[in-house]
Amino acid sequence: MQILFVVNDPPYGTERAYNALRHVTAVSRQADVAVKLFLMADAVQCARQGQVTPNGYYNLERMMAVVVRQGVECGACGSCMDARALAEETLVPGVHRSSMEELTQWTVAADKVLVY
């Protein structure tokens, strides 16, 4: 089974991105499930390296690194990155600059699409 997660919200200010990554992490641990994660709009900032958060506060950069280590393919919308002056070399290793074309391919191939 293939599951695609699409995240739109910023890393901080709401808990939607945080909860999306918690869900991605849990689902990716399931046997026989391939998970892909597409970040768009303000969610591309979830994959920015160098995030500094107060002690005890969740850190989306660390969560993204866990997702990558679990084998989740992660793409960040290139147009959204450009609009936020986010260069590919500043992304968490394992997250790649993506496109609407790749999102379309992932969507068509997915058995389920979850949008946060």
N, C-alpha and C. Protein backbone atom coordinates (compact mmCIF):
# COMPACT_ATOMS: atom_id res chain seq x y z
N MET A 1 0.84 -1.18 0.00
CA MET A 1 0.00 0.00 0.00
C MET A 1 0.89 1.24 0.00
N GLN A 2 0.47 2.24 -0.77
CA GLN A 2 1.19 3.51 -0.82
C GLN A 2 0.32 4.62 -0.24
N ILE A 3 0.90 5.39 0.69
CA ILE A 3 0.17 6.49 1.31
C ILE A 3 0.97 7.77 1.10
N LEU A 4 0.29 8.79 0.64
CA LEU A 4 0.89 10.10 0.42
C LEU A 4 0.34 11.08 1.44
N PHE A 5 1.23 11.76 2.12
CA PHE A 5 0.87 12.84 3.03
C PHE A 5 1.24 14.16 2.37
N VAL A 6 0.33 15.11 2.36
CA VAL A 6 0.59 16.45 1.84
C VAL A 6 0.39 17.41 3.01
N VAL A 7 1.42 18.19 3.30
CA VAL A 7 1.36 19.13 4.42
C VAL A 7 1.48 20.54 3.88
N ASN A 8 0.60 21.42 4.35
CA ASN A 8 0.55 22.81 3.89
C ASN A 8 0.91 23.83 4.96
N ASP A 9 0.70 23.52 6.23
CA ASP A 9 0.83 24.50 7.30
C ASP A 9 2.29 24.71 7.72
N PRO A 10 2.57 25.88 8.30
CA PRO A 10 3.94 26.18 8.74
C PRO A 10 4.36 25.28 9.90
N PRO A 11 5.67 25.20 10.14
CA PRO A 11 6.15 24.33 11.20
C PRO A 11 5.74 24.78 12.60
N TYR A 12 5.53 26.06 12.78
CA TYR A 12 5.20 26.59 14.10
C TYR A 12 4.02 27.55 13.97
N GLY A 13 3.31 27.75 15.07
CA GLY A 13 2.14 28.62 15.06
C GLY A 13 0.84 27.84 15.13
N THR A 14 0.85 26.66 14.55
CA THR A 14 -0.25 25.71 14.68
C THR A 14 0.40 24.35 14.96
N GLU A 15 -0.39 23.36 15.26
CA GLU A 15 0.16 22.03 15.50
C GLU A 15 -0.11 21.08 14.34
N ARG A 16 -0.63 21.59 13.23
CA ARG A 16 -0.97 20.72 12.10
C ARG A 16 0.25 20.02 11.52
N ALA A 17 1.34 20.75 11.28
CA ALA A 17 2.54 20.13 10.72
C ALA A 17 3.13 19.13 11.72
N TYR A 18 3.16 19.50 12.97
CA TYR A 18 3.65 18.61 14.03
C TYR A 18 2.85 17.31 14.05
N ASN A 19 1.53 17.43 14.04
CA ASN A 19 0.68 16.23 14.06
C ASN A 19 0.80 15.44 12.77
N ALA A 20 0.97 16.12 11.65
CA ALA A 20 1.18 15.41 10.38
C ALA A 20 2.44 14.56 10.45
N LEU A 21 3.53 15.13 10.96
CA LEU A 21 4.78 14.37 11.03
C LEU A 21 4.70 13.25 12.06
N ARG A 22 3.97 13.44 13.12
CA ARG A 22 3.73 12.34 14.07
C ARG A 22 3.00 11.21 13.35
N HIS A 23 2.00 11.56 12.54
CA HIS A 23 1.22 10.56 11.81
C HIS A 23 2.10 9.86 10.77
N VAL A 24 2.88 10.62 10.03
CA VAL A 24 3.80 10.04 9.03
C VAL A 24 4.73 9.04 9.71
N THR A 25 5.28 9.43 10.84
CA THR A 25 6.21 8.55 11.58
C THR A 25 5.52 7.25 11.97
N ALA A 26 4.32 7.34 12.50
CA ALA A 26 3.59 6.15 12.93
C ALA A 26 3.23 5.25 11.76
N VAL A 27 2.74 5.83 10.68
CA VAL A 27 2.32 5.03 9.52
C VAL A 27 3.53 4.37 8.86
N SER A 28 4.65 5.09 8.80
CA SER A 28 5.83 4.54 8.13
C SER A 28 6.41 3.34 8.86
N ARG A 29 6.02 3.13 10.10
CA ARG A 29 6.49 1.96 10.87
C ARG A 29 5.68 0.70 10.54
N GLN A 30 4.60 0.85 9.82
CA GLN A 30 3.74 -0.29 9.49
C GLN A 30 4.37 -1.13 8.38
N ALA A 31 4.22 -2.42 8.49
CA ALA A 31 4.75 -3.32 7.47
C ALA A 31 3.96 -3.16 6.17
N ASP A 32 4.64 -3.31 5.07
CA ASP A 32 4.03 -3.29 3.74
C ASP A 32 3.34 -1.97 3.40
N VAL A 33 3.84 -0.87 3.97
CA VAL A 33 3.29 0.45 3.65
C VAL A 33 4.44 1.34 3.18
N ALA A 34 4.31 1.88 1.99
CA ALA A 34 5.27 2.85 1.46
C ALA A 34 4.68 4.25 1.67
N VAL A 35 5.46 5.12 2.29
CA VAL A 35 4.96 6.45 2.61
C VAL A 35 5.78 7.50 1.88
N LYS A 36 5.08 8.49 1.35
CA LYS A 36 5.72 9.66 0.74
C LYS A 36 5.16 10.89 1.43
N LEU A 37 6.00 11.92 1.53
CA LEU A 37 5.62 13.17 2.18
C LEU A 37 5.94 14.32 1.25
N PHE A 38 4.92 15.14 0.97
CA PHE A 38 5.11 16.31 0.13
C PHE A 38 4.80 17.55 0.95
N LEU A 39 5.78 18.46 1.03
CA LEU A 39 5.62 19.71 1.76
C LEU A 39 5.36 20.83 0.76
N MET A 40 4.30 21.61 1.01
CA MET A 40 4.03 22.74 0.13
C MET A 40 3.59 23.94 0.95
N ALA A 41 3.49 25.08 0.30
CA ALA A 41 3.16 26.34 0.97
C ALA A 41 4.14 26.54 2.13
N ASP A 42 3.66 27.01 3.27
CA ASP A 42 4.55 27.29 4.40
C ASP A 42 5.18 26.03 5.00
N ALA A 43 4.66 24.87 4.67
CA ALA A 43 5.21 23.62 5.22
C ALA A 43 6.62 23.34 4.72
N VAL A 44 7.05 23.96 3.62
CA VAL A 44 8.43 23.73 3.17
C VAL A 44 9.43 24.14 4.25
N GLN A 45 9.02 25.06 5.13
CA GLN A 45 9.90 25.50 6.22
C GLN A 45 10.13 24.39 7.25
N CYS A 46 9.29 23.38 7.26
CA CYS A 46 9.49 22.24 8.17
C CYS A 46 10.82 21.55 7.91
N ALA A 47 11.30 21.61 6.68
CA ALA A 47 12.52 20.92 6.29
C ALA A 47 13.75 21.82 6.31
N ARG A 48 13.62 23.04 6.82
CA ARG A 48 14.76 23.96 6.90
C ARG A 48 15.71 23.52 8.01
N GLN A 49 17.01 23.46 7.66
CA GLN A 49 18.03 23.14 8.65
C GLN A 49 18.29 24.35 9.55
N GLY A 50 18.70 24.08 10.78
CA GLY A 50 19.12 25.13 11.69
C GLY A 50 18.01 25.70 12.55
N GLN A 51 16.90 24.99 12.68
CA GLN A 51 15.81 25.48 13.52
C GLN A 51 16.23 25.47 14.99
N VAL A 52 15.92 26.54 15.68
CA VAL A 52 16.23 26.66 17.11
C VAL A 52 14.91 26.83 17.85
N THR A 53 14.62 25.90 18.73
CA THR A 53 13.38 25.95 19.51
C THR A 53 13.71 25.91 20.99
N PRO A 54 12.84 26.43 21.84
CA PRO A 54 13.08 26.36 23.28
C PRO A 54 13.12 24.91 23.76
N ASN A 55 13.85 24.68 24.85
CA ASN A 55 13.90 23.33 25.42
C ASN A 55 12.49 22.84 25.74
N GLY A 56 12.24 21.59 25.41
CA GLY A 56 10.94 20.99 25.67
C GLY A 56 9.91 21.25 24.58
N TYR A 57 10.25 22.06 23.60
CA TYR A 57 9.34 22.38 22.50
C TYR A 57 9.69 21.49 21.32
N TYR A 58 8.69 21.03 20.60
CA TYR A 58 8.98 20.16 19.46
C TYR A 58 9.80 20.92 18.41
N ASN A 59 10.62 20.17 17.69
CA ASN A 59 11.48 20.73 16.65
C ASN A 59 11.21 19.96 15.37
N LEU A 60 10.63 20.64 14.38
CA LEU A 60 10.25 19.97 13.13
C LEU A 60 11.45 19.50 12.33
N GLU A 61 12.57 20.19 12.43
CA GLU A 61 13.78 19.73 11.73
C GLU A 61 14.17 18.35 12.22
N ARG A 62 14.17 18.16 13.52
CA ARG A 62 14.50 16.83 14.08
C ARG A 62 13.48 15.79 13.66
N MET A 63 12.22 16.17 13.66
CA MET A 63 11.17 15.23 13.25
C MET A 63 11.33 14.85 11.77
N MET A 64 11.70 15.82 10.94
CA MET A 64 11.92 15.52 9.51
C MET A 64 13.09 14.55 9.35
N ALA A 65 14.13 14.71 10.14
CA ALA A 65 15.28 13.81 10.06
C ALA A 65 14.87 12.38 10.42
N VAL A 66 14.00 12.23 11.39
CA VAL A 66 13.50 10.89 11.77
C VAL A 66 12.71 10.30 10.62
N VAL A 67 11.83 11.08 10.01
CA VAL A 67 11.02 10.61 8.88
C VAL A 67 11.91 10.12 7.75
N VAL A 68 12.95 10.89 7.44
CA VAL A 68 13.89 10.49 6.37
C VAL A 68 14.58 9.19 6.74
N ARG A 69 15.03 9.06 7.99
CA ARG A 69 15.71 7.83 8.43
C ARG A 69 14.80 6.62 8.34
N GLN A 70 13.50 6.83 8.47
CA GLN A 70 12.55 5.73 8.38
C GLN A 70 12.26 5.35 6.93
N GLY A 71 12.88 6.01 5.98
CA GLY A 71 12.74 5.64 4.58
C GLY A 71 11.61 6.33 3.85
N VAL A 72 11.03 7.37 4.43
CA VAL A 72 9.96 8.11 3.76
C VAL A 72 10.59 9.01 2.70
N GLU A 73 10.09 8.94 1.48
CA GLU A 73 10.55 9.84 0.43
C GLU A 73 9.88 11.20 0.66
N CYS A 74 10.70 12.24 0.75
CA CYS A 74 10.20 13.57 1.10
C CYS A 74 10.55 14.58 0.02
N GLY A 75 9.54 15.27 -0.47
CA GLY A 75 9.73 16.33 -1.45
C GLY A 75 9.18 17.64 -0.94
N ALA A 76 9.85 18.73 -1.30
CA ALA A 76 9.40 20.07 -0.96
C ALA A 76 9.12 20.82 -2.26
N CYS A 77 7.96 21.44 -2.34
CA CYS A 77 7.53 22.15 -3.54
C CYS A 77 8.56 23.23 -3.91
N GLY A 78 9.10 23.13 -5.10
CA GLY A 78 10.10 24.09 -5.56
C GLY A 78 9.58 25.50 -5.67
N SER A 79 8.38 25.69 -6.19
CA SER A 79 7.79 27.02 -6.30
C SER A 79 7.60 27.64 -4.92
N CYS A 80 7.16 26.84 -3.98
CA CYS A 80 6.95 27.30 -2.61
C CYS A 80 8.28 27.65 -1.95
N MET A 81 9.31 26.86 -2.25
CA MET A 81 10.65 27.16 -1.73
C MET A 81 11.13 28.50 -2.28
N ASP A 82 10.96 28.70 -3.58
CA ASP A 82 11.41 29.95 -4.21
C ASP A 82 10.71 31.16 -3.58
N ALA A 83 9.41 31.04 -3.36
CA ALA A 83 8.64 32.15 -2.78
C ALA A 83 9.12 32.51 -1.38
N ARG A 84 9.79 31.56 -0.71
CA ARG A 84 10.26 31.78 0.66
C ARG A 84 11.78 31.86 0.72
N ALA A 85 12.42 31.99 -0.44
CA ALA A 85 13.88 32.10 -0.52
C ALA A 85 14.57 30.96 0.21
N LEU A 86 14.04 29.76 0.03
CA LEU A 86 14.58 28.57 0.68
C LEU A 86 15.36 27.76 -0.36
N ALA A 87 16.67 27.73 -0.21
CA ALA A 87 17.53 27.02 -1.15
C ALA A 87 17.58 25.53 -0.82
N GLU A 88 17.75 24.71 -1.85
CA GLU A 88 17.77 23.26 -1.64
C GLU A 88 18.87 22.83 -0.67
N GLU A 89 20.00 23.50 -0.70
CA GLU A 89 21.10 23.10 0.19
C GLU A 89 20.81 23.41 1.66
N THR A 90 19.75 24.15 1.95
CA THR A 90 19.37 24.41 3.35
C THR A 90 18.33 23.42 3.87
N LEU A 91 17.92 22.47 3.02
CA LEU A 91 16.94 21.47 3.44
C LEU A 91 17.59 20.37 4.27
N VAL A 92 16.82 19.77 5.13
CA VAL A 92 17.25 18.60 5.89
C VAL A 92 17.75 17.55 4.88
N PRO A 93 18.92 16.96 5.10
CA PRO A 93 19.41 15.94 4.17
C PRO A 93 18.37 14.83 3.99
N GLY A 94 18.14 14.48 2.73
CA GLY A 94 17.16 13.46 2.41
C GLY A 94 15.86 14.03 1.89
N VAL A 95 15.66 15.34 2.05
CA VAL A 95 14.48 16.02 1.49
C VAL A 95 14.93 16.67 0.19
N HIS A 96 14.20 16.44 -0.88
CA HIS A 96 14.60 17.00 -2.17
C HIS A 96 13.63 18.06 -2.66
N ARG A 97 14.15 18.94 -3.49
CA ARG A 97 13.32 19.94 -4.16
C ARG A 97 12.42 19.19 -5.13
N SER A 98 11.14 19.43 -5.08
CA SER A 98 10.19 18.69 -5.89
C SER A 98 9.39 19.65 -6.76
N SER A 99 8.29 19.13 -7.30
CA SER A 99 7.50 19.91 -8.24
C SER A 99 6.04 19.44 -8.22
N MET A 100 5.20 20.22 -8.84
CA MET A 100 3.80 19.84 -8.98
C MET A 100 3.68 18.58 -9.83
N GLU A 101 4.58 18.41 -10.78
CA GLU A 101 4.57 17.21 -11.62
C GLU A 101 4.83 15.96 -10.78
N GLU A 102 5.82 16.05 -9.88
CA GLU A 102 6.09 14.89 -9.03
C GLU A 102 4.93 14.65 -8.06
N LEU A 103 4.36 15.71 -7.50
CA LEU A 103 3.20 15.55 -6.63
C LEU A 103 2.07 14.86 -7.38
N THR A 104 1.88 15.22 -8.63
CA THR A 104 0.83 14.60 -9.44
C THR A 104 1.10 13.10 -9.61
N GLN A 105 2.35 12.74 -9.91
CA GLN A 105 2.71 11.33 -10.06
C GLN A 105 2.49 10.57 -8.75
N TRP A 106 2.90 11.16 -7.65
CA TRP A 106 2.73 10.52 -6.35
C TRP A 106 1.25 10.35 -6.02
N THR A 107 0.45 11.35 -6.36
CA THR A 107 -0.99 11.30 -6.07
C THR A 107 -1.66 10.18 -6.85
N VAL A 108 -1.36 10.08 -8.12
CA VAL A 108 -1.96 9.06 -8.98
C VAL A 108 -1.56 7.66 -8.53
N ALA A 109 -0.33 7.51 -8.05
CA ALA A 109 0.17 6.19 -7.63
C ALA A 109 -0.29 5.80 -6.23
N ALA A 110 -0.73 6.77 -5.43
CA ALA A 110 -1.07 6.50 -4.03
C ALA A 110 -2.41 5.78 -3.89
N ASP A 111 -2.48 4.89 -2.91
CA ASP A 111 -3.75 4.27 -2.56
C ASP A 111 -4.58 5.20 -1.68
N LYS A 112 -3.88 6.00 -0.88
CA LYS A 112 -4.55 6.96 -0.01
C LYS A 112 -3.72 8.25 -0.01
N VAL A 113 -4.44 9.39 0.04
CA VAL A 113 -3.79 10.70 0.15
C VAL A 113 -4.39 11.39 1.37
N LEU A 114 -3.52 11.81 2.28
CA LEU A 114 -3.95 12.52 3.48
C LEU A 114 -3.37 13.93 3.41
N VAL A 115 -4.23 14.92 3.62
CA VAL A 115 -3.81 16.31 3.50
C VAL A 115 -3.94 17.00 4.85
N TYR A 116 -2.85 17.63 5.27
CA TYR A 116 -2.83 18.40 6.51
C TYR A 116 -2.61 19.86 6.17
